[in-house]
Amino acid sequence: MLKNSFKCFATVFTVAIIFISCKDDYERIGEEAVRPVFPQGVAQNFTLTYTEAVKELNTQDSSNSRIIAVLTSPITEDYDNQSFKFRTFPEGLKVDFFDEKNQKSVITADYGIVYSQTNLIDLQGNVVIESHDGKKLETPQLFYDRKNNWIFTEEAFTYTNPEDGTVMDGEGMDFNKDFSFFKAHKTYGLMTIKEKE
């Protein structure tokens, strides 16, 4: 009986040593190696108003500022707790821009990322820009460089200009935010060119 107990104990002890001595040398790669990232904050029914002072304000003065943009989104996630800070808009966003004459242009997208450190905005999925004068740009992805006020894409686009009656399709373009400079990399489609009189 004592001999059977000793054999049983020896077997259990040997199996335990084998499991303890086993080491996981499997190198984690791909999706299983990615550590989960969680936002430091989540806001629902998000509205952010950007204002600009016309002239230097006193501490209690707000009458000389004007609204330059209003951003709305069903949800935003703030990842400023990461080494490379960013903010996402996973359910889309809408931005109303106002020029110096208070004329409104609108940008909509299905998804957006704002990279805080590089001042770059990445808009994805059904991106549409509608200017106050009826011009319209449609593309699947668009980047906006806030520092340089420059907008660009390498994706296919459709640009409609009702003033000229033109519809331009193409791939890749860049322009400034008021469409006064516009460069298309590759174009095709219907374009009408008016001659100067």
N, C-alpha and C. Protein backbone atom coordinates (compact mmCIF):
# COMPACT_ATOMS: atom_id res chain seq x y z
N MET A 1 0.83 -1.20 0.00
CA MET A 1 0.00 0.00 0.00
C MET A 1 0.86 1.24 0.00
N LEU A 2 1.88 1.25 0.86
CA LEU A 2 2.79 2.37 0.93
C LEU A 2 3.57 2.48 -0.38
N LYS A 3 3.90 1.30 -0.96
CA LYS A 3 4.63 1.27 -2.21
C LYS A 3 3.78 1.87 -3.34
N ASN A 4 2.46 1.57 -3.40
CA ASN A 4 1.56 2.12 -4.42
C ASN A 4 1.40 3.63 -4.25
N SER A 5 1.32 4.11 -3.01
CA SER A 5 1.21 5.55 -2.74
C SER A 5 2.46 6.27 -3.20
N PHE A 6 3.63 5.62 -2.96
CA PHE A 6 4.88 6.22 -3.34
C PHE A 6 4.98 6.31 -4.87
N LYS A 7 4.54 5.25 -5.60
CA LYS A 7 4.55 5.25 -7.06
C LYS A 7 3.62 6.34 -7.61
N CYS A 8 2.47 6.49 -7.01
CA CYS A 8 1.49 7.49 -7.42
C CYS A 8 2.06 8.90 -7.21
N PHE A 9 2.67 9.12 -6.06
CA PHE A 9 3.27 10.42 -5.74
C PHE A 9 4.42 10.71 -6.70
N ALA A 10 5.25 9.72 -6.99
CA ALA A 10 6.39 9.88 -7.90
C ALA A 10 5.91 10.23 -9.31
N THR A 11 4.83 9.60 -9.75
CA THR A 11 4.28 9.88 -11.08
C THR A 11 3.76 11.32 -11.16
N VAL A 12 3.00 11.73 -10.17
CA VAL A 12 2.45 13.10 -10.14
C VAL A 12 3.60 14.11 -10.10
N PHE A 13 4.61 13.84 -9.29
CA PHE A 13 5.75 14.75 -9.16
C PHE A 13 6.52 14.86 -10.48
N THR A 14 6.70 13.75 -11.18
CA THR A 14 7.41 13.74 -12.46
C THR A 14 6.64 14.53 -13.51
N VAL A 15 5.32 14.32 -13.59
CA VAL A 15 4.49 15.05 -14.55
C VAL A 15 4.53 16.55 -14.25
N ALA A 16 4.48 16.93 -12.98
CA ALA A 16 4.54 18.34 -12.59
C ALA A 16 5.86 18.96 -13.01
N ILE A 17 6.96 18.24 -12.83
CA ILE A 17 8.27 18.77 -13.21
C ILE A 17 8.34 18.95 -14.73
N ILE A 18 7.76 18.02 -15.47
CA ILE A 18 7.76 18.13 -16.93
C ILE A 18 7.01 19.38 -17.37
N PHE A 19 5.83 19.64 -16.78
CA PHE A 19 5.05 20.82 -17.15
C PHE A 19 5.73 22.11 -16.72
N ILE A 20 6.36 22.10 -15.56
CA ILE A 20 7.05 23.31 -15.09
C ILE A 20 8.25 23.61 -15.96
N SER A 21 8.95 22.57 -16.41
CA SER A 21 10.15 22.78 -17.21
C SER A 21 9.84 23.16 -18.65
N CYS A 22 8.59 22.97 -19.10
CA CYS A 22 8.23 23.33 -20.47
C CYS A 22 8.21 24.85 -20.61
N LYS A 23 8.74 25.35 -21.71
CA LYS A 23 8.80 26.78 -21.94
C LYS A 23 8.16 27.06 -23.29
N ASP A 24 7.38 28.14 -23.37
CA ASP A 24 6.73 28.51 -24.62
C ASP A 24 7.71 29.35 -25.44
N ASP A 25 8.31 28.73 -26.45
CA ASP A 25 9.24 29.43 -27.32
C ASP A 25 8.56 29.93 -28.60
N TYR A 26 7.26 29.83 -28.66
CA TYR A 26 6.52 30.24 -29.85
C TYR A 26 6.54 31.75 -29.97
N GLU A 27 7.03 32.27 -31.08
CA GLU A 27 7.08 33.71 -31.28
C GLU A 27 5.74 34.19 -31.80
N ARG A 28 5.16 35.15 -31.11
CA ARG A 28 3.85 35.67 -31.49
C ARG A 28 4.02 36.66 -32.65
N ILE A 29 3.28 36.42 -33.72
CA ILE A 29 3.32 37.31 -34.87
C ILE A 29 1.90 37.56 -35.36
N GLY A 30 1.77 38.54 -36.22
CA GLY A 30 0.47 38.82 -36.83
C GLY A 30 -0.53 39.36 -35.82
N GLU A 31 -1.79 39.01 -36.00
CA GLU A 31 -2.87 39.55 -35.17
C GLU A 31 -2.73 39.18 -33.71
N GLU A 32 -2.22 37.97 -33.41
CA GLU A 32 -2.14 37.55 -32.02
C GLU A 32 -1.06 38.31 -31.25
N ALA A 33 -0.11 38.97 -31.97
CA ALA A 33 0.94 39.73 -31.32
C ALA A 33 0.51 41.16 -30.99
N VAL A 34 -0.59 41.63 -31.57
CA VAL A 34 -1.05 43.00 -31.38
C VAL A 34 -1.67 43.16 -30.00
N ARG A 35 -1.15 44.12 -29.27
CA ARG A 35 -1.72 44.40 -27.95
C ARG A 35 -2.98 45.23 -28.13
N PRO A 36 -4.01 44.97 -27.35
CA PRO A 36 -5.23 45.76 -27.49
C PRO A 36 -5.00 47.22 -27.09
N VAL A 37 -5.62 48.12 -27.82
CA VAL A 37 -5.50 49.55 -27.56
C VAL A 37 -6.88 50.06 -27.16
N PHE A 38 -6.94 50.77 -26.05
CA PHE A 38 -8.22 51.29 -25.56
C PHE A 38 -8.17 52.81 -25.50
N PRO A 39 -9.28 53.47 -25.85
CA PRO A 39 -9.29 54.94 -25.80
C PRO A 39 -9.30 55.43 -24.36
N GLN A 40 -8.76 56.64 -24.17
CA GLN A 40 -8.81 57.24 -22.84
C GLN A 40 -10.16 57.93 -22.59
N GLY A 41 -10.90 58.15 -23.67
CA GLY A 41 -12.22 58.75 -23.53
C GLY A 41 -13.08 58.50 -24.75
N VAL A 42 -14.37 58.41 -24.54
CA VAL A 42 -15.34 58.22 -25.62
C VAL A 42 -16.45 59.24 -25.42
N ALA A 43 -16.80 59.96 -26.48
CA ALA A 43 -17.89 60.93 -26.41
C ALA A 43 -18.95 60.57 -27.43
N GLN A 44 -20.20 60.60 -27.01
CA GLN A 44 -21.31 60.33 -27.92
C GLN A 44 -22.01 61.63 -28.27
N ASN A 45 -22.63 61.67 -29.45
CA ASN A 45 -23.29 62.88 -29.95
C ASN A 45 -22.37 64.08 -29.80
N PHE A 46 -21.20 63.94 -30.37
CA PHE A 46 -20.09 64.87 -30.22
C PHE A 46 -20.27 66.08 -31.13
N THR A 47 -20.12 67.29 -30.58
CA THR A 47 -20.12 68.52 -31.36
C THR A 47 -18.96 69.38 -30.88
N LEU A 48 -18.13 69.82 -31.81
CA LEU A 48 -16.98 70.66 -31.48
C LEU A 48 -17.04 71.89 -32.38
N THR A 49 -16.99 73.06 -31.78
CA THR A 49 -17.04 74.32 -32.52
C THR A 49 -15.66 74.98 -32.49
N TYR A 50 -15.11 75.25 -33.66
CA TYR A 50 -13.83 75.95 -33.77
C TYR A 50 -14.12 77.42 -34.02
N THR A 51 -13.49 78.28 -33.23
CA THR A 51 -13.68 79.72 -33.41
C THR A 51 -12.33 80.38 -33.66
N GLU A 52 -12.41 81.59 -34.19
CA GLU A 52 -11.20 82.37 -34.48
C GLU A 52 -11.46 83.80 -34.04
N ALA A 53 -10.49 84.39 -33.38
CA ALA A 53 -10.62 85.78 -32.94
C ALA A 53 -10.25 86.70 -34.09
N VAL A 54 -11.12 87.69 -34.33
CA VAL A 54 -10.84 88.67 -35.38
C VAL A 54 -9.69 89.57 -34.94
N LYS A 55 -9.69 89.94 -33.67
CA LYS A 55 -8.59 90.70 -33.09
C LYS A 55 -8.36 90.17 -31.69
N GLU A 56 -7.28 90.61 -31.07
CA GLU A 56 -6.94 90.12 -29.74
C GLU A 56 -8.07 90.43 -28.75
N LEU A 57 -8.46 89.42 -27.96
CA LEU A 57 -9.59 89.55 -27.05
C LEU A 57 -9.13 89.84 -25.63
N ASN A 58 -9.99 90.53 -24.89
CA ASN A 58 -9.78 90.68 -23.45
C ASN A 58 -10.23 89.39 -22.78
N THR A 59 -10.02 89.24 -21.48
CA THR A 59 -10.36 88.00 -20.78
C THR A 59 -11.86 87.72 -20.79
N GLN A 60 -12.70 88.72 -20.81
CA GLN A 60 -14.15 88.51 -20.77
C GLN A 60 -14.84 88.79 -22.10
N ASP A 61 -14.07 89.07 -23.15
CA ASP A 61 -14.64 89.46 -24.43
C ASP A 61 -14.82 88.25 -25.35
N SER A 62 -16.00 88.08 -25.91
CA SER A 62 -16.23 87.01 -26.88
C SER A 62 -16.95 87.51 -28.12
N SER A 63 -17.26 88.80 -28.17
CA SER A 63 -18.06 89.32 -29.28
C SER A 63 -17.28 89.44 -30.58
N ASN A 64 -15.95 89.45 -30.53
CA ASN A 64 -15.16 89.63 -31.73
C ASN A 64 -14.62 88.32 -32.29
N SER A 65 -15.19 87.20 -31.92
CA SER A 65 -14.76 85.93 -32.48
C SER A 65 -15.80 85.44 -33.48
N ARG A 66 -15.36 84.61 -34.42
CA ARG A 66 -16.29 84.06 -35.40
C ARG A 66 -16.11 82.56 -35.49
N ILE A 67 -17.16 81.85 -35.84
CA ILE A 67 -17.12 80.39 -35.99
C ILE A 67 -16.49 80.08 -37.33
N ILE A 68 -15.45 79.22 -37.33
CA ILE A 68 -14.84 78.83 -38.60
C ILE A 68 -15.21 77.40 -38.99
N ALA A 69 -15.59 76.56 -38.00
CA ALA A 69 -15.99 75.18 -38.32
C ALA A 69 -16.78 74.58 -37.17
N VAL A 70 -17.71 73.68 -37.52
CA VAL A 70 -18.47 72.92 -36.52
C VAL A 70 -18.39 71.46 -36.93
N LEU A 71 -17.81 70.63 -36.06
CA LEU A 71 -17.66 69.20 -36.32
C LEU A 71 -18.68 68.45 -35.49
N THR A 72 -19.45 67.56 -36.12
CA THR A 72 -20.42 66.73 -35.40
C THR A 72 -20.19 65.27 -35.78
N SER A 73 -20.44 64.39 -34.79
CA SER A 73 -20.27 62.95 -35.01
C SER A 73 -21.08 62.19 -33.98
N PRO A 74 -21.61 61.01 -34.33
CA PRO A 74 -22.35 60.21 -33.34
C PRO A 74 -21.45 59.73 -32.20
N ILE A 75 -20.16 59.49 -32.51
CA ILE A 75 -19.24 59.01 -31.47
C ILE A 75 -17.81 59.35 -31.87
N THR A 76 -17.00 59.68 -30.88
CA THR A 76 -15.57 59.89 -31.09
C THR A 76 -14.80 59.20 -29.99
N GLU A 77 -13.65 58.65 -30.35
CA GLU A 77 -12.79 57.94 -29.40
C GLU A 77 -11.44 58.64 -29.36
N ASP A 78 -11.01 59.00 -28.15
CA ASP A 78 -9.79 59.77 -27.94
C ASP A 78 -8.65 58.84 -27.52
N TYR A 79 -7.61 58.76 -28.36
CA TYR A 79 -6.44 57.92 -28.09
C TYR A 79 -5.20 58.76 -27.80
N ASP A 80 -5.38 59.88 -27.11
CA ASP A 80 -4.24 60.72 -26.75
C ASP A 80 -3.38 60.08 -25.66
N ASN A 81 -3.80 58.93 -25.15
CA ASN A 81 -3.00 58.20 -24.16
C ASN A 81 -1.93 57.33 -24.83
N GLN A 82 -1.86 57.31 -26.16
CA GLN A 82 -0.88 56.52 -26.89
C GLN A 82 0.36 57.37 -27.20
N SER A 83 1.46 56.72 -27.53
CA SER A 83 2.68 57.47 -27.86
C SER A 83 2.48 58.28 -29.15
N PHE A 84 1.72 57.73 -30.11
CA PHE A 84 1.34 58.48 -31.31
C PHE A 84 -0.15 58.82 -31.17
N LYS A 85 -0.43 60.02 -30.78
CA LYS A 85 -1.79 60.44 -30.39
C LYS A 85 -2.71 60.57 -31.61
N PHE A 86 -3.96 60.14 -31.43
CA PHE A 86 -4.96 60.28 -32.49
C PHE A 86 -6.36 60.22 -31.91
N ARG A 87 -7.34 60.62 -32.73
CA ARG A 87 -8.76 60.59 -32.36
C ARG A 87 -9.51 59.99 -33.54
N THR A 88 -10.44 59.07 -33.26
CA THR A 88 -11.19 58.43 -34.35
C THR A 88 -12.67 58.82 -34.30
N PHE A 89 -13.30 58.73 -35.45
CA PHE A 89 -14.74 58.94 -35.60
C PHE A 89 -15.28 57.71 -36.32
N PRO A 90 -15.49 56.60 -35.58
CA PRO A 90 -15.81 55.31 -36.21
C PRO A 90 -17.17 55.24 -36.88
N GLU A 91 -18.10 56.12 -36.54
CA GLU A 91 -19.42 56.11 -37.16
C GLU A 91 -19.63 57.31 -38.07
N GLY A 92 -18.55 57.90 -38.52
CA GLY A 92 -18.64 59.01 -39.47
C GLY A 92 -18.62 60.37 -38.80
N LEU A 93 -18.53 61.40 -39.65
CA LEU A 93 -18.50 62.77 -39.16
C LEU A 93 -18.99 63.72 -40.23
N LYS A 94 -19.34 64.91 -39.77
CA LYS A 94 -19.77 66.00 -40.66
C LYS A 94 -19.09 67.27 -40.16
N VAL A 95 -18.50 68.03 -41.09
CA VAL A 95 -17.85 69.29 -40.72
C VAL A 95 -18.44 70.40 -41.57
N ASP A 96 -18.95 71.44 -40.91
CA ASP A 96 -19.43 72.64 -41.58
C ASP A 96 -18.33 73.69 -41.47
N PHE A 97 -17.80 74.15 -42.62
CA PHE A 97 -16.77 75.19 -42.65
C PHE A 97 -17.39 76.51 -43.05
N PHE A 98 -16.93 77.60 -42.44
CA PHE A 98 -17.43 78.93 -42.75
C PHE A 98 -16.26 79.82 -43.17
N ASP A 99 -16.41 80.48 -44.34
CA ASP A 99 -15.34 81.38 -44.79
C ASP A 99 -15.52 82.76 -44.17
N GLU A 100 -14.70 83.72 -44.63
CA GLU A 100 -14.73 85.07 -44.06
C GLU A 100 -16.08 85.76 -44.28
N LYS A 101 -16.82 85.35 -45.33
CA LYS A 101 -18.13 85.93 -45.61
C LYS A 101 -19.25 85.12 -44.97
N ASN A 102 -18.89 84.17 -44.11
CA ASN A 102 -19.83 83.30 -43.39
C ASN A 102 -20.60 82.36 -44.34
N GLN A 103 -19.99 82.04 -45.48
CA GLN A 103 -20.58 81.09 -46.42
C GLN A 103 -20.16 79.68 -46.01
N LYS A 104 -21.12 78.76 -46.00
CA LYS A 104 -20.88 77.41 -45.46
C LYS A 104 -20.56 76.40 -46.55
N SER A 105 -19.50 75.60 -46.29
CA SER A 105 -19.17 74.43 -47.08
C SER A 105 -19.23 73.23 -46.14
N VAL A 106 -19.55 72.04 -46.68
CA VAL A 106 -19.78 70.86 -45.83
C VAL A 106 -18.93 69.69 -46.29
N ILE A 107 -18.33 68.99 -45.34
CA ILE A 107 -17.60 67.75 -45.61
C ILE A 107 -18.26 66.64 -44.80
N THR A 108 -18.51 65.49 -45.44
CA THR A 108 -19.03 64.32 -44.74
C THR A 108 -18.17 63.11 -45.10
N ALA A 109 -18.08 62.16 -44.16
CA ALA A 109 -17.33 60.92 -44.39
C ALA A 109 -17.87 59.84 -43.47
N ASP A 110 -17.68 58.57 -43.87
CA ASP A 110 -18.14 57.44 -43.06
C ASP A 110 -17.22 57.15 -41.88
N TYR A 111 -15.96 57.59 -41.98
CA TYR A 111 -14.97 57.30 -40.94
C TYR A 111 -13.90 58.37 -40.98
N GLY A 112 -13.35 58.71 -39.84
CA GLY A 112 -12.29 59.71 -39.81
C GLY A 112 -11.29 59.47 -38.70
N ILE A 113 -10.04 59.88 -38.96
CA ILE A 113 -8.97 59.83 -37.95
C ILE A 113 -8.27 61.18 -37.98
N VAL A 114 -8.08 61.77 -36.80
CA VAL A 114 -7.31 63.01 -36.67
C VAL A 114 -6.03 62.65 -35.93
N TYR A 115 -4.89 62.86 -36.60
CA TYR A 115 -3.58 62.60 -35.99
C TYR A 115 -3.09 63.90 -35.36
N SER A 116 -3.11 63.96 -34.03
CA SER A 116 -2.82 65.20 -33.30
C SER A 116 -1.41 65.70 -33.54
N GLN A 117 -0.44 64.82 -33.57
CA GLN A 117 0.95 65.24 -33.64
C GLN A 117 1.37 65.70 -35.04
N THR A 118 0.72 65.21 -36.07
CA THR A 118 1.11 65.57 -37.43
C THR A 118 0.13 66.55 -38.08
N ASN A 119 -0.96 66.88 -37.39
CA ASN A 119 -2.00 67.77 -37.93
C ASN A 119 -2.57 67.26 -39.25
N LEU A 120 -2.65 65.93 -39.37
CA LEU A 120 -3.20 65.32 -40.57
C LEU A 120 -4.55 64.67 -40.25
N ILE A 121 -5.53 64.88 -41.13
CA ILE A 121 -6.86 64.28 -40.98
C ILE A 121 -7.05 63.31 -42.14
N ASP A 122 -7.46 62.08 -41.82
CA ASP A 122 -7.69 61.04 -42.81
C ASP A 122 -9.18 60.74 -42.82
N LEU A 123 -9.86 61.06 -43.92
CA LEU A 123 -11.30 60.79 -44.07
C LEU A 123 -11.47 59.61 -45.02
N GLN A 124 -12.35 58.67 -44.65
CA GLN A 124 -12.51 57.46 -45.45
C GLN A 124 -13.99 57.13 -45.64
N GLY A 125 -14.30 56.56 -46.79
CA GLY A 125 -15.65 56.05 -47.07
C GLY A 125 -16.64 57.13 -47.43
N ASN A 126 -17.04 57.19 -48.69
CA ASN A 126 -18.05 58.15 -49.16
C ASN A 126 -17.74 59.58 -48.73
N VAL A 127 -16.52 60.01 -48.97
CA VAL A 127 -16.13 61.38 -48.61
C VAL A 127 -16.72 62.33 -49.64
N VAL A 128 -17.45 63.34 -49.15
CA VAL A 128 -18.09 64.32 -50.03
C VAL A 128 -17.79 65.71 -49.49
N ILE A 129 -17.30 66.59 -50.37
CA ILE A 129 -17.13 68.01 -50.04
C ILE A 129 -18.08 68.79 -50.92
N GLU A 130 -18.94 69.60 -50.30
CA GLU A 130 -19.86 70.47 -51.04
C GLU A 130 -19.56 71.89 -50.64
N SER A 131 -19.08 72.70 -51.60
CA SER A 131 -18.74 74.09 -51.30
C SER A 131 -19.98 74.96 -51.34
N HIS A 132 -19.85 76.16 -50.81
CA HIS A 132 -20.99 77.09 -50.72
C HIS A 132 -21.52 77.48 -52.09
N ASP A 133 -20.66 77.40 -53.13
CA ASP A 133 -21.10 77.79 -54.47
C ASP A 133 -21.53 76.60 -55.33
N GLY A 134 -21.75 75.43 -54.70
CA GLY A 134 -22.30 74.28 -55.41
C GLY A 134 -21.29 73.29 -55.95
N LYS A 135 -20.00 73.57 -55.85
CA LYS A 135 -19.00 72.61 -56.31
C LYS A 135 -19.01 71.40 -55.39
N LYS A 136 -18.77 70.22 -55.99
CA LYS A 136 -18.87 68.99 -55.21
C LYS A 136 -17.74 68.04 -55.59
N LEU A 137 -17.11 67.48 -54.57
CA LEU A 137 -16.05 66.50 -54.76
C LEU A 137 -16.43 65.23 -54.03
N GLU A 138 -16.33 64.09 -54.73
CA GLU A 138 -16.65 62.79 -54.13
C GLU A 138 -15.46 61.85 -54.33
N THR A 139 -15.04 61.16 -53.26
CA THR A 139 -13.91 60.24 -53.32
C THR A 139 -13.99 59.26 -52.15
N PRO A 140 -13.36 58.08 -52.26
CA PRO A 140 -13.42 57.14 -51.14
C PRO A 140 -12.47 57.49 -49.98
N GLN A 141 -11.43 58.30 -50.25
CA GLN A 141 -10.51 58.68 -49.17
C GLN A 141 -9.91 60.03 -49.49
N LEU A 142 -9.73 60.83 -48.43
CA LEU A 142 -9.20 62.18 -48.61
C LEU A 142 -8.38 62.54 -47.38
N PHE A 143 -7.25 63.21 -47.60
CA PHE A 143 -6.40 63.67 -46.50
C PHE A 143 -6.42 65.19 -46.45
N TYR A 144 -6.40 65.73 -45.24
CA TYR A 144 -6.34 67.19 -45.06
C TYR A 144 -5.18 67.51 -44.15
N ASP A 145 -4.23 68.27 -44.65
CA ASP A 145 -3.08 68.74 -43.89
C ASP A 145 -3.46 70.09 -43.29
N ARG A 146 -3.79 70.10 -42.00
CA ARG A 146 -4.27 71.32 -41.35
C ARG A 146 -3.19 72.40 -41.28
N LYS A 147 -1.95 71.99 -41.10
CA LYS A 147 -0.86 72.96 -40.97
C LYS A 147 -0.69 73.77 -42.25
N ASN A 148 -0.79 73.12 -43.39
CA ASN A 148 -0.57 73.78 -44.68
C ASN A 148 -1.87 74.09 -45.43
N ASN A 149 -3.04 73.79 -44.83
CA ASN A 149 -4.34 73.99 -45.48
C ASN A 149 -4.35 73.35 -46.87
N TRP A 150 -3.91 72.09 -46.92
CA TRP A 150 -3.79 71.39 -48.19
C TRP A 150 -4.59 70.09 -48.14
N ILE A 151 -5.32 69.78 -49.20
CA ILE A 151 -6.18 68.59 -49.28
C ILE A 151 -5.69 67.74 -50.45
N PHE A 152 -5.62 66.42 -50.25
CA PHE A 152 -5.12 65.57 -51.32
C PHE A 152 -5.66 64.14 -51.20
N THR A 153 -5.63 63.43 -52.34
CA THR A 153 -6.01 62.02 -52.40
C THR A 153 -5.27 61.37 -53.56
N GLU A 154 -5.06 60.07 -53.47
CA GLU A 154 -4.52 59.28 -54.57
C GLU A 154 -5.62 58.37 -55.14
N GLU A 155 -6.82 58.46 -54.58
CA GLU A 155 -7.95 57.62 -54.98
C GLU A 155 -8.69 58.23 -56.17
N ALA A 156 -9.63 57.47 -56.72
CA ALA A 156 -10.50 57.96 -57.79
C ALA A 156 -11.41 59.05 -57.22
N PHE A 157 -11.79 60.01 -58.04
CA PHE A 157 -12.65 61.10 -57.58
C PHE A 157 -13.59 61.54 -58.69
N THR A 158 -14.66 62.22 -58.29
CA THR A 158 -15.56 62.91 -59.22
C THR A 158 -15.71 64.33 -58.72
N TYR A 159 -15.44 65.30 -59.60
CA TYR A 159 -15.53 66.71 -59.24
C TYR A 159 -16.57 67.37 -60.14
N THR A 160 -17.60 67.93 -59.54
CA THR A 160 -18.69 68.57 -60.28
C THR A 160 -18.65 70.08 -60.04
N ASN A 161 -18.64 70.84 -61.11
CA ASN A 161 -18.62 72.30 -61.02
C ASN A 161 -19.82 72.85 -61.79
N PRO A 162 -20.89 73.23 -61.09
CA PRO A 162 -22.08 73.72 -61.80
C PRO A 162 -21.88 75.06 -62.49
N GLU A 163 -20.91 75.87 -62.05
CA GLU A 163 -20.64 77.16 -62.70
C GLU A 163 -20.22 76.95 -64.15
N ASP A 164 -19.34 75.96 -64.36
CA ASP A 164 -18.85 75.67 -65.71
C ASP A 164 -19.65 74.58 -66.39
N GLY A 165 -20.52 73.89 -65.65
CA GLY A 165 -21.25 72.76 -66.19
C GLY A 165 -20.36 71.57 -66.46
N THR A 166 -19.33 71.37 -65.64
CA THR A 166 -18.37 70.30 -65.88
C THR A 166 -18.47 69.21 -64.83
N VAL A 167 -18.17 67.99 -65.28
CA VAL A 167 -18.03 66.84 -64.39
C VAL A 167 -16.70 66.20 -64.76
N MET A 168 -15.78 66.17 -63.81
CA MET A 168 -14.46 65.62 -64.07
C MET A 168 -14.25 64.39 -63.19
N ASP A 169 -13.87 63.28 -63.82
CA ASP A 169 -13.48 62.08 -63.10
C ASP A 169 -11.98 61.93 -63.22
N GLY A 170 -11.37 61.34 -62.21
CA GLY A 170 -9.93 61.16 -62.27
C GLY A 170 -9.41 60.33 -61.12
N GLU A 171 -8.09 60.25 -61.06
CA GLU A 171 -7.40 59.56 -59.97
C GLU A 171 -6.28 60.46 -59.47
N GLY A 172 -6.28 60.71 -58.18
CA GLY A 172 -5.24 61.52 -57.56
C GLY A 172 -5.44 63.00 -57.82
N MET A 173 -5.40 63.78 -56.77
CA MET A 173 -5.56 65.23 -56.89
C MET A 173 -5.10 65.90 -55.62
N ASP A 174 -4.82 67.18 -55.71
CA ASP A 174 -4.56 67.98 -54.52
C ASP A 174 -5.00 69.41 -54.79
N PHE A 175 -5.40 70.10 -53.72
CA PHE A 175 -5.93 71.46 -53.85
C PHE A 175 -5.92 72.14 -52.49
N ASN A 176 -6.07 73.47 -52.52
CA ASN A 176 -6.20 74.21 -51.26
C ASN A 176 -7.66 74.23 -50.84
N LYS A 177 -7.93 74.65 -49.61
CA LYS A 177 -9.27 74.44 -49.06
C LYS A 177 -10.36 75.29 -49.71
N ASP A 178 -10.02 76.36 -50.41
CA ASP A 178 -11.07 77.15 -51.06
C ASP A 178 -11.16 76.88 -52.57
N PHE A 179 -10.50 75.79 -53.05
CA PHE A 179 -10.54 75.36 -54.45
C PHE A 179 -9.97 76.41 -55.41
N SER A 180 -9.20 77.40 -54.94
CA SER A 180 -8.63 78.38 -55.86
C SER A 180 -7.43 77.79 -56.61
N PHE A 181 -6.78 76.75 -56.04
CA PHE A 181 -5.76 75.99 -56.75
C PHE A 181 -6.20 74.54 -56.73
N PHE A 182 -6.23 73.92 -57.93
CA PHE A 182 -6.72 72.56 -58.06
C PHE A 182 -5.85 71.84 -59.07
N LYS A 183 -5.24 70.72 -58.68
CA LYS A 183 -4.39 69.96 -59.59
C LYS A 183 -4.83 68.51 -59.58
N ALA A 184 -5.31 68.01 -60.71
CA ALA A 184 -5.69 66.61 -60.86
C ALA A 184 -4.53 65.87 -61.49
N HIS A 185 -4.18 64.69 -60.96
CA HIS A 185 -3.05 63.93 -61.47
C HIS A 185 -3.41 63.20 -62.77
N LYS A 186 -4.59 62.61 -62.82
CA LYS A 186 -5.04 61.87 -64.01
C LYS A 186 -6.53 62.12 -64.14
N THR A 187 -6.98 62.57 -65.30
CA THR A 187 -8.41 62.90 -65.48
C THR A 187 -8.99 62.18 -66.69
N TYR A 188 -10.30 62.00 -66.62
CA TYR A 188 -11.07 61.48 -67.74
C TYR A 188 -12.51 61.86 -67.47
N GLY A 189 -13.36 61.80 -68.46
CA GLY A 189 -14.77 62.18 -68.28
C GLY A 189 -15.12 63.40 -69.09
N LEU A 190 -16.20 64.05 -68.75
CA LEU A 190 -16.74 65.18 -69.48
C LEU A 190 -16.24 66.48 -68.89
N MET A 191 -15.53 67.26 -69.68
CA MET A 191 -15.06 68.56 -69.25
C MET A 191 -15.40 69.59 -70.32
N THR A 192 -15.90 70.73 -69.90
CA THR A 192 -16.20 71.82 -70.83
C THR A 192 -15.27 72.98 -70.47
N ILE A 193 -14.59 73.52 -71.46
CA ILE A 193 -13.67 74.64 -71.22
C ILE A 193 -14.25 75.87 -71.87
N LYS A 194 -14.43 76.91 -71.05
CA LYS A 194 -14.97 78.17 -71.58
C LYS A 194 -13.81 79.05 -72.02
N GLU A 195 -13.98 79.68 -73.19
CA GLU A 195 -12.96 80.60 -73.66
C GLU A 195 -13.22 81.97 -73.09
N LYS A 196 -12.12 82.68 -72.80
CA LYS A 196 -12.25 84.05 -72.31
C LYS A 196 -12.54 84.95 -73.49
N GLU A 197 -13.45 85.90 -73.26
CA GLU A 197 -13.82 86.83 -74.35
C GLU A 197 -12.93 88.04 -74.35
